[in-house]
Amino acid sequence: MDLSNRTVLVVGGTSGIGRELARRFAASGSTVAVGGRSTEALSELAGEGFGTIRIDVTDSASVTSARDAVLARYPELDTVVTMSGVMLMEDLRDPVHFESAERMIDTNLVGTIRVIDAFTPHLLRRGTGTFMTVTSGIAFLPFPPMPAYAASKAAVHAYSEALRAQLDGTGVGVVELVPPAVATAGQEKVNPHALPLDDFATEVMHLLSADPTPREIVVKAALTHRWAERDGTYDDLVAQRSRALSMLPGREG
């Protein structure tokens, strides 16, 4: 992927990984727009020179409006990154968890589909372009305190695979980004092993620039998660990660 002359929309790029990747795309020479819900964050990004678009991926009307605004301003848009995500812990013994599960699935999975559906006709008309979906190492190696998050990201992986197959031959590619725990958005407070954001972004951009670009962007820190089942380490690693259930209120180690 030539990163020097693309026109990129990062949906959910107002913080964390998305914001850093938006900066990296811009630093490589691409024109970058960022979509998100936070008015304050969008204002800050506009001050850095980014195009900004208000978008709520849980609202179909908002997605449609944002698409129209983006394409009016950036008719050469060729790369759409779907970063929006919510990560919450749930105790499945308590039915109140359903609200959190529903929110994560609507944002992480259905929100991704809404954005892809909005921009697919444009990219197909161009005959070239890229969707970048974002899953997680947790999609391949569940973290038991976050069941619906894992399920939503596993679903995005499956959807990405099907999307890639359906778009084969159109000139529109699908790249899946598979982050491990990255030291941003509070991860650095609960996981001392979280990968520094700068290191993660550097490795991602290096992998994206490979020829050919990998279908999955899996940094070294995520390889253990991605290939646990293949490597025969899955059961032991899930058992280890299950110790974190003690983090849930009312649970003991």
C-alpha atoms as a PDB file:
ATOM      1  CA  MET A   1       0.000   0.000   0.000  1.00  0.00           C
ATOM      2  CA  ASP A   2       1.436   3.348  -1.077  1.00  0.00           C
ATOM      3  CA  LEU A   3       0.854   5.525   1.980  1.00  0.00           C
ATOM      4  CA  SER A   4       2.113   8.726   0.380  1.00  0.00           C
ATOM      5  CA  ASN A   5      -0.857   9.773  -1.714  1.00  0.00           C
ATOM      6  CA  ARG A   6      -4.022   8.218  -0.362  1.00  0.00           C
ATOM      7  CA  THR A   7      -7.207   9.951   0.727  1.00  0.00           C
ATOM      8  CA  VAL A   8      -8.159   8.348   4.024  1.00  0.00           C
ATOM      9  CA  LEU A   9     -11.186   8.522   6.310  1.00  0.00           C
ATOM     10  CA  VAL A  10     -10.621   7.218   9.841  1.00  0.00           C
ATOM     11  CA  VAL A  11     -14.015   6.654  11.464  1.00  0.00           C
ATOM     12  CA  GLY A  12     -13.534   6.562  15.231  1.00  0.00           C
ATOM     13  CA  GLY A  13     -10.213   8.350  14.949  1.00  0.00           C
ATOM     14  CA  THR A  14     -10.703  10.953  17.661  1.00  0.00           C
ATOM     15  CA  SER A  15      -8.646   9.106  20.264  1.00  0.00           C
ATOM     16  CA  GLY A  16      -6.287   6.207  20.905  1.00  0.00           C
ATOM     17  CA  ILE A  17      -5.173   3.976  18.065  1.00  0.00           C
ATOM     18  CA  GLY A  18      -7.373   5.695  15.493  1.00  0.00           C
ATOM     19  CA  ARG A  19      -6.004   9.127  16.242  1.00  0.00           C
ATOM     20  CA  GLU A  20      -2.403   7.927  16.090  1.00  0.00           C
ATOM     21  CA  LEU A  21      -2.965   6.106  12.803  1.00  0.00           C
ATOM     22  CA  ALA A  22      -4.591   9.211  11.340  1.00  0.00           C
ATOM     23  CA  ARG A  23      -1.461  11.156  12.263  1.00  0.00           C
ATOM     24  CA  ARG A  24       0.773   8.465  10.764  1.00  0.00           C
ATOM     25  CA  PHE A  25      -1.164   8.443   7.476  1.00  0.00           C
ATOM     26  CA  ALA A  26      -0.886  12.226   7.315  1.00  0.00           C
ATOM     27  CA  ALA A  27       2.825  12.141   8.119  1.00  0.00           C
ATOM     28  CA  SER A  28       3.295   9.681   5.241  1.00  0.00           C
ATOM     29  CA  GLY A  29       1.762  12.161   2.809  1.00  0.00           C
ATOM     30  CA  SER A  30      -1.872  11.095   2.674  1.00  0.00           C
ATOM     31  CA  THR A  31      -4.862  13.407   2.931  1.00  0.00           C
ATOM     32  CA  VAL A  32      -6.709  12.390   6.094  1.00  0.00           C
ATOM     33  CA  ALA A  33     -10.181  13.075   7.467  1.00  0.00           C
ATOM     34  CA  VAL A  34     -11.290  11.927  10.908  1.00  0.00           C
ATOM     35  CA  GLY A  35     -14.820  11.048  11.942  1.00  0.00           C
ATOM     36  CA  GLY A  36     -16.113  10.757  15.489  1.00  0.00           C
ATOM     37  CA  ARG A  37     -18.614  11.900  18.083  1.00  0.00           C
ATOM     38  CA  SER A  38     -16.497  14.097  20.360  1.00  0.00           C
ATOM     39  CA  THR A  39     -16.886  17.742  19.376  1.00  0.00           C
ATOM     40  CA  GLU A  40     -13.902  18.701  21.509  1.00  0.00           C
ATOM     41  CA  ALA A  41     -11.626  16.069  19.977  1.00  0.00           C
ATOM     42  CA  LEU A  42     -12.754  16.941  16.451  1.00  0.00           C
ATOM     43  CA  SER A  43     -11.959  20.587  17.143  1.00  0.00           C
ATOM     44  CA  GLU A  44      -8.469  19.654  18.332  1.00  0.00           C
ATOM     45  CA  LEU A  45      -7.887  17.552  15.217  1.00  0.00           C
ATOM     46  CA  ALA A  46      -9.119  20.328  12.973  1.00  0.00           C
ATOM     47  CA  GLY A  47      -6.510  22.503  14.638  1.00  0.00           C
ATOM     48  CA  GLU A  48      -3.891  19.962  13.528  1.00  0.00           C
ATOM     49  CA  GLY A  49      -5.051  20.311   9.934  1.00  0.00           C
ATOM     50  CA  PHE A  50      -7.288  17.260   9.637  1.00  0.00           C
ATOM     51  CA  GLY A  51     -10.656  17.314   7.981  1.00  0.00           C
ATOM     52  CA  THR A  52     -13.252  16.426  10.600  1.00  0.00           C
ATOM     53  CA  ILE A  53     -16.724  14.918  10.372  1.00  0.00           C
ATOM     54  CA  ARG A  54     -19.280  14.320  13.092  1.00  0.00           C
ATOM     55  CA  ILE A  55     -20.462  10.713  12.918  1.00  0.00           C
ATOM     56  CA  ASP A  56     -22.231   8.308  15.252  1.00  0.00           C
ATOM     57  CA  VAL A  57     -21.897   4.788  13.883  1.00  0.00           C
ATOM     58  CA  THR A  58     -24.888   3.607  15.943  1.00  0.00           C
ATOM     59  CA  ASP A  59     -27.163   6.000  14.009  1.00  0.00           C
ATOM     60  CA  SER A  60     -27.841   5.173  10.346  1.00  0.00           C
ATOM     61  CA  ALA A  61     -28.918   8.731   9.545  1.00  0.00           C
ATOM     62  CA  SER A  62     -25.682  10.083  11.038  1.00  0.00           C
ATOM     63  CA  VAL A  63     -23.619   7.656   8.958  1.00  0.00           C
ATOM     64  CA  THR A  64     -25.445   8.621   5.760  1.00  0.00           C
ATOM     65  CA  SER A  65     -25.049  12.330   6.483  1.00  0.00           C
ATOM     66  CA  ALA A  66     -21.352  11.899   7.264  1.00  0.00           C
ATOM     67  CA  ARG A  67     -20.808   9.925   4.067  1.00  0.00           C
ATOM     68  CA  ASP A  68     -22.385  12.655   1.969  1.00  0.00           C
ATOM     69  CA  ALA A  69     -20.284  15.324   3.673  1.00  0.00           C
ATOM     70  CA  VAL A  70     -17.080  13.327   3.252  1.00  0.00           C
ATOM     71  CA  LEU A  71     -17.615  12.564  -0.428  1.00  0.00           C
ATOM     72  CA  ALA A  72     -18.562  16.160  -1.191  1.00  0.00           C
ATOM     73  CA  ARG A  73     -15.280  17.329   0.318  1.00  0.00           C
ATOM     74  CA  TYR A  74     -13.103  14.343  -0.651  1.00  0.00           C
ATOM     75  CA  PRO A  75     -14.396  12.896  -3.933  1.00  0.00           C
ATOM     76  CA  GLU A  76     -11.104  11.002  -4.340  1.00  0.00           C
ATOM     77  CA  LEU A  77     -11.583   9.082  -1.079  1.00  0.00           C
ATOM     78  CA  ASP A  78      -9.964   5.678  -1.504  1.00  0.00           C
ATOM     79  CA  THR A  79      -9.407   4.334   2.029  1.00  0.00           C
ATOM     80  CA  VAL A  80     -11.988   3.900   4.790  1.00  0.00           C
ATOM     81  CA  VAL A  81     -10.818   2.787   8.253  1.00  0.00           C
ATOM     82  CA  THR A  82     -13.540   1.625  10.660  1.00  0.00           C
ATOM     83  CA  MET A  83     -12.039   2.221  14.113  1.00  0.00           C
ATOM     84  CA  SER A  84     -15.132   2.876  16.256  1.00  0.00           C
ATOM     85  CA  GLY A  85     -15.289   0.533  19.226  1.00  0.00           C
ATOM     86  CA  VAL A  86     -16.482   0.088  22.794  1.00  0.00           C
ATOM     87  CA  MET A  87     -14.776  -2.270  25.266  1.00  0.00           C
ATOM     88  CA  LEU A  88     -16.604  -3.101  28.500  1.00  0.00           C
ATOM     89  CA  MET A  89     -16.387  -5.860  31.103  1.00  0.00           C
ATOM     90  CA  GLU A  90     -19.484  -7.961  31.800  1.00  0.00           C
ATOM     91  CA  ASP A  91     -20.534 -10.407  34.488  1.00  0.00           C
ATOM     92  CA  LEU A  92     -22.700 -12.959  32.698  1.00  0.00           C
ATOM     93  CA  ARG A  93     -24.179 -14.079  36.030  1.00  0.00           C
ATOM     94  CA  ASP A  94     -25.949 -10.727  36.235  1.00  0.00           C
ATOM     95  CA  PRO A  95     -28.632 -10.081  33.562  1.00  0.00           C
ATOM     96  CA  VAL A  96     -27.921  -6.351  33.770  1.00  0.00           C
ATOM     97  CA  HIS A  97     -24.888  -7.028  31.567  1.00  0.00           C
ATOM     98  CA  PHE A  98     -27.160  -7.179  28.507  1.00  0.00           C
ATOM     99  CA  GLU A  99     -27.188  -3.418  28.084  1.00  0.00           C
ATOM    100  CA  SER A 100     -23.394  -3.401  27.797  1.00  0.00           C
ATOM    101  CA  ALA A 101     -23.436  -6.347  25.393  1.00  0.00           C
ATOM    102  CA  GLU A 102     -25.999  -4.665  23.185  1.00  0.00           C
ATOM    103  CA  ARG A 103     -24.013  -1.428  23.120  1.00  0.00           C
ATOM    104  CA  MET A 104     -20.788  -3.187  22.124  1.00  0.00           C
ATOM    105  CA  ILE A 105     -22.404  -5.246  19.388  1.00  0.00           C
ATOM    106  CA  ASP A 106     -24.212  -2.217  17.963  1.00  0.00           C
ATOM    107  CA  THR A 107     -21.040  -0.128  17.921  1.00  0.00           C
ATOM    108  CA  ASN A 108     -18.346  -2.658  17.139  1.00  0.00           C
ATOM    109  CA  LEU A 109     -20.149  -4.933  14.691  1.00  0.00           C
ATOM    110  CA  VAL A 110     -23.261  -3.213  13.368  1.00  0.00           C
ATOM    111  CA  GLY A 111     -21.486   0.159  13.327  1.00  0.00           C
ATOM    112  CA  THR A 112     -18.734  -1.336  11.190  1.00  0.00           C
ATOM    113  CA  ILE A 113     -21.323  -2.723   8.770  1.00  0.00           C
ATOM    114  CA  ARG A 114     -23.125   0.628   8.577  1.00  0.00           C
ATOM    115  CA  VAL A 115     -19.924   2.427   7.627  1.00  0.00           C
ATOM    116  CA  ILE A 116     -18.878  -0.190   5.081  1.00  0.00           C
ATOM    117  CA  ASP A 117     -22.325  -0.196   3.474  1.00  0.00           C
ATOM    118  CA  ALA A 118     -22.262   3.605   3.244  1.00  0.00           C
ATOM    119  CA  PHE A 119     -18.994   3.740   1.313  1.00  0.00           C
ATOM    120  CA  THR A 120     -19.077   0.528  -0.723  1.00  0.00           C
ATOM    121  CA  PRO A 121     -20.914   2.056  -3.723  1.00  0.00           C
ATOM    122  CA  HIS A 122     -18.369   4.895  -3.917  1.00  0.00           C
ATOM    123  CA  LEU A 123     -15.340   2.589  -3.837  1.00  0.00           C
ATOM    124  CA  LEU A 124     -16.931   0.217  -6.357  1.00  0.00           C
ATOM    125  CA  ARG A 125     -17.553   3.114  -8.749  1.00  0.00           C
ATOM    126  CA  ARG A 126     -13.891   4.110  -8.400  1.00  0.00           C
ATOM    127  CA  GLY A 127     -12.810   0.556  -9.121  1.00  0.00           C
ATOM    128  CA  THR A 128     -10.057   0.806  -6.539  1.00  0.00           C
ATOM    129  CA  GLY A 129      -9.716   1.404  -2.817  1.00  0.00           C
ATOM    130  CA  THR A 130      -9.381  -0.207   0.573  1.00  0.00           C
ATOM    131  CA  PHE A 131     -11.519  -0.901   3.597  1.00  0.00           C
ATOM    132  CA  MET A 132      -9.567  -1.381   6.800  1.00  0.00           C
ATOM    133  CA  THR A 133     -11.564  -3.112   9.514  1.00  0.00           C
ATOM    134  CA  VAL A 134     -10.337  -3.342  13.084  1.00  0.00           C
ATOM    135  CA  THR A 135     -10.713  -6.449  15.194  1.00  0.00           C
ATOM    136  CA  SER A 136      -8.538  -7.474  18.147  1.00  0.00           C
ATOM    137  CA  GLY A 137      -6.340 -10.251  19.449  1.00  0.00           C
ATOM    138  CA  ILE A 138      -9.340 -10.938  21.689  1.00  0.00           C
ATOM    139  CA  ALA A 139     -11.291 -11.966  18.586  1.00  0.00           C
ATOM    140  CA  PHE A 140      -9.032 -15.027  18.351  1.00  0.00           C
ATOM    141  CA  LEU A 141      -8.205 -15.610  22.017  1.00  0.00           C
ATOM    142  CA  PRO A 142     -11.129 -14.574  24.242  1.00  0.00           C
ATOM    143  CA  PHE A 143     -10.613 -12.530  27.393  1.00  0.00           C
ATOM    144  CA  PRO A 144     -13.350 -13.955  29.645  1.00  0.00           C
ATOM    145  CA  PRO A 145     -14.220 -10.706  31.489  1.00  0.00           C
ATOM    146  CA  MET A 146     -15.168  -9.167  28.105  1.00  0.00           C
ATOM    147  CA  PRO A 147     -17.397 -11.752  26.382  1.00  0.00           C
ATOM    148  CA  ALA A 148     -19.489  -9.527  24.107  1.00  0.00           C
ATOM    149  CA  TYR A 149     -16.443  -7.502  23.117  1.00  0.00           C
ATOM    150  CA  ALA A 150     -14.700 -10.708  22.045  1.00  0.00           C
ATOM    151  CA  ALA A 151     -17.827 -11.880  20.224  1.00  0.00           C
ATOM    152  CA  SER A 152     -18.244  -8.579  18.394  1.00  0.00           C
ATOM    153  CA  LYS A 153     -14.631  -8.546  17.243  1.00  0.00           C
ATOM    154  CA  ALA A 154     -14.750 -12.197  16.174  1.00  0.00           C
ATOM    155  CA  ALA A 155     -17.823 -11.290  14.147  1.00  0.00           C
ATOM    156  CA  VAL A 156     -16.018  -8.373  12.498  1.00  0.00           C
ATOM    157  CA  HIS A 157     -13.237 -10.798  11.537  1.00  0.00           C
ATOM    158  CA  ALA A 158     -15.731 -13.164   9.901  1.00  0.00           C
ATOM    159  CA  TYR A 159     -17.474 -10.255   8.193  1.00  0.00           C
ATOM    160  CA  SER A 160     -14.146  -8.953   6.885  1.00  0.00           C
ATOM    161  CA  GLU A 161     -13.359 -12.337   5.392  1.00  0.00           C
ATOM    162  CA  ALA A 162     -16.735 -12.491   3.646  1.00  0.00           C
ATOM    163  CA  LEU A 163     -16.466  -8.885   2.458  1.00  0.00           C
ATOM    164  CA  ARG A 164     -13.044  -9.563   0.972  1.00  0.00           C
ATOM    165  CA  ALA A 165     -14.409 -12.584  -0.907  1.00  0.00           C
ATOM    166  CA  GLN A 166     -17.424 -10.681  -2.234  1.00  0.00           C
ATOM    167  CA  LEU A 167     -15.325  -7.721  -3.389  1.00  0.00           C
ATOM    168  CA  ASP A 168     -12.708  -9.899  -5.067  1.00  0.00           C
ATOM    169  CA  GLY A 169     -12.084  -8.680  -8.595  1.00  0.00           C
ATOM    170  CA  THR A 170     -13.589  -5.229  -8.034  1.00  0.00           C
ATOM    171  CA  GLY A 171     -10.328  -3.476  -7.201  1.00  0.00           C
ATOM    172  CA  VAL A 172     -11.520  -2.827  -3.647  1.00  0.00           C
ATOM    173  CA  GLY A 173      -9.462  -4.601  -1.005  1.00  0.00           C
ATOM    174  CA  VAL A 174     -10.111  -5.437   2.629  1.00  0.00           C
ATOM    175  CA  VAL A 175      -7.355  -5.235   5.245  1.00  0.00           C
ATOM    176  CA  GLU A 176      -8.004  -6.360   8.821  1.00  0.00           C
ATOM    177  CA  LEU A 177      -6.043  -4.734  11.640  1.00  0.00           C
ATOM    178  CA  VAL A 178      -5.619  -7.050  14.645  1.00  0.00           C
ATOM    179  CA  PRO A 179      -4.315  -5.024  17.628  1.00  0.00           C
ATOM    180  CA  PRO A 180      -3.081  -6.574  20.861  1.00  0.00           C
ATOM    181  CA  ALA A 181      -3.499  -4.651  24.110  1.00  0.00           C
ATOM    182  CA  VAL A 182      -2.129  -1.192  23.339  1.00  0.00           C
ATOM    183  CA  ALA A 183      -1.206   1.381  25.978  1.00  0.00           C
ATOM    184  CA  THR A 184      -4.026   3.811  25.277  1.00  0.00           C
ATOM    185  CA  ALA A 185      -7.613   4.453  26.387  1.00  0.00           C
ATOM    186  CA  GLY A 186      -6.839   3.201  29.891  1.00  0.00           C
ATOM    187  CA  GLN A 187      -5.245  -0.089  28.865  1.00  0.00           C
ATOM    188  CA  GLU A 188      -1.933   1.121  30.227  1.00  0.00           C
ATOM    189  CA  LYS A 189      -3.507   1.342  33.711  1.00  0.00           C
ATOM    190  CA  VAL A 190      -4.710  -2.264  33.874  1.00  0.00           C
ATOM    191  CA  ASN A 191      -2.242  -4.112  31.666  1.00  0.00           C
ATOM    192  CA  PRO A 192       1.468  -3.568  32.320  1.00  0.00           C
ATOM    193  CA  HIS A 193       2.213  -5.583  29.177  1.00  0.00           C
ATOM    194  CA  ALA A 194       0.247  -3.311  26.866  1.00  0.00           C
ATOM    195  CA  LEU A 195       2.258  -2.359  23.782  1.00  0.00           C
ATOM    196  CA  PRO A 196       3.309   1.313  23.683  1.00  0.00           C
ATOM    197  CA  LEU A 197       1.130   3.180  21.184  1.00  0.00           C
ATOM    198  CA  ASP A 198       4.090   4.610  19.284  1.00  0.00           C
ATOM    199  CA  ASP A 199       5.659   1.162  18.824  1.00  0.00           C
ATOM    200  CA  PHE A 200       2.346  -0.295  17.700  1.00  0.00           C
ATOM    201  CA  ALA A 201       1.689   2.436  15.132  1.00  0.00           C
ATOM    202  CA  THR A 202       5.217   2.203  13.731  1.00  0.00           C
ATOM    203  CA  GLU A 203       4.888  -1.550  13.195  1.00  0.00           C
ATOM    204  CA  VAL A 204       1.422  -1.173  11.664  1.00  0.00           C
ATOM    205  CA  MET A 205       2.588   1.392   9.118  1.00  0.00           C
ATOM    206  CA  HIS A 206       5.558  -0.801   8.239  1.00  0.00           C
ATOM    207  CA  LEU A 207       3.283  -3.785   7.605  1.00  0.00           C
ATOM    208  CA  LEU A 208       0.825  -1.683   5.597  1.00  0.00           C
ATOM    209  CA  SER A 209       3.602  -0.506   3.296  1.00  0.00           C
ATOM    210  CA  ALA A 210       4.638  -4.078   2.438  1.00  0.00           C
ATOM    211  CA  ASP A 211       4.135  -5.310  -1.119  1.00  0.00           C
ATOM    212  CA  PRO A 212       1.761  -7.014  -1.245  1.00  0.00           C
ATOM    213  CA  THR A 213      -0.073  -5.590   1.750  1.00  0.00           C
ATOM    214  CA  PRO A 214      -1.029  -8.455   4.120  1.00  0.00           C
ATOM    215  CA  ARG A 215      -4.723  -9.270   4.398  1.00  0.00           C
ATOM    216  CA  GLU A 216      -4.271  -9.110   8.173  1.00  0.00           C
ATOM    217  CA  ILE A 217      -2.046  -6.585   9.926  1.00  0.00           C
ATOM    218  CA  VAL A 218      -0.842  -8.541  12.952  1.00  0.00           C
ATOM    219  CA  VAL A 219       2.005  -6.978  14.919  1.00  0.00           C
ATOM    220  CA  LYS A 220       4.403  -9.319  16.715  1.00  0.00           C
ATOM    221  CA  ALA A 221       2.710  -8.764  20.081  1.00  0.00           C
ATOM    222  CA  ALA A 222      -0.572 -10.085  18.648  1.00  0.00           C
ATOM    223  CA  LEU A 223       0.778 -13.240  17.020  1.00  0.00           C
ATOM    224  CA  THR A 224       0.311 -15.333  20.165  1.00  0.00           C
ATOM    225  CA  HIS A 225      -3.389 -14.421  20.182  1.00  0.00           C
ATOM    226  CA  ARG A 226      -3.963 -14.791  16.457  1.00  0.00           C
ATOM    227  CA  TRP A 227      -2.458 -18.266  16.151  1.00  0.00           C
ATOM    228  CA  ALA A 228      -3.169 -19.777  19.597  1.00  0.00           C
ATOM    229  CA  GLU A 229      -5.572 -22.397  18.256  1.00  0.00           C
ATOM    230  CA  ARG A 230      -3.258 -23.381  15.405  1.00  0.00           C
ATOM    231  CA  ASP A 231      -0.267 -23.572  17.739  1.00  0.00           C
ATOM    232  CA  GLY A 232      -2.030 -25.693  20.369  1.00  0.00           C
ATOM    233  CA  THR A 233      -1.742 -23.038  23.101  1.00  0.00           C
ATOM    234  CA  TYR A 234      -5.389 -21.935  23.064  1.00  0.00           C
ATOM    235  CA  ASP A 235      -6.765 -23.859  26.066  1.00  0.00           C
ATOM    236  CA  ASP A 236      -3.862 -22.999  28.353  1.00  0.00           C
ATOM    237  CA  LEU A 237      -3.969 -19.324  27.407  1.00  0.00           C
ATOM    238  CA  VAL A 238      -7.733 -19.048  27.915  1.00  0.00           C
ATOM    239  CA  ALA A 239      -7.299 -20.667  31.338  1.00  0.00           C
ATOM    240  CA  GLN A 240      -4.596 -18.132  32.211  1.00  0.00           C
ATOM    241  CA  ARG A 241      -6.750 -15.247  31.022  1.00  0.00           C
ATOM    242  CA  SER A 242      -9.712 -16.555  33.011  1.00  0.00           C
ATOM    243  CA  ARG A 243      -7.880 -15.563  36.205  1.00  0.00           C
ATOM    244  CA  ALA A 244      -8.825 -12.011  35.307  1.00  0.00           C
ATOM    245  CA  LEU A 245     -12.446 -12.833  36.169  1.00  0.00           C
ATOM    246  CA  SER A 246     -11.439 -11.785  39.684  1.00  0.00           C
ATOM    247  CA  MET A 247     -11.584  -8.217  38.327  1.00  0.00           C
ATOM    248  CA  LEU A 248     -15.381  -8.435  38.166  1.00  0.00           C
ATOM    249  CA  PRO A 249     -17.255  -6.992  41.162  1.00  0.00           C
ATOM    250  CA  GLY A 250     -18.137  -9.663  43.712  1.00  0.00           C
ATOM    251  CA  ARG A 251     -15.739 -12.209  42.262  1.00  0.00           C
ATOM    252  CA  GLU A 252     -12.781 -13.683  44.058  1.00  0.00           C
ATOM    253  CA  GLY A 253      -9.623 -15.034  42.447  1.00  0.00           C
END
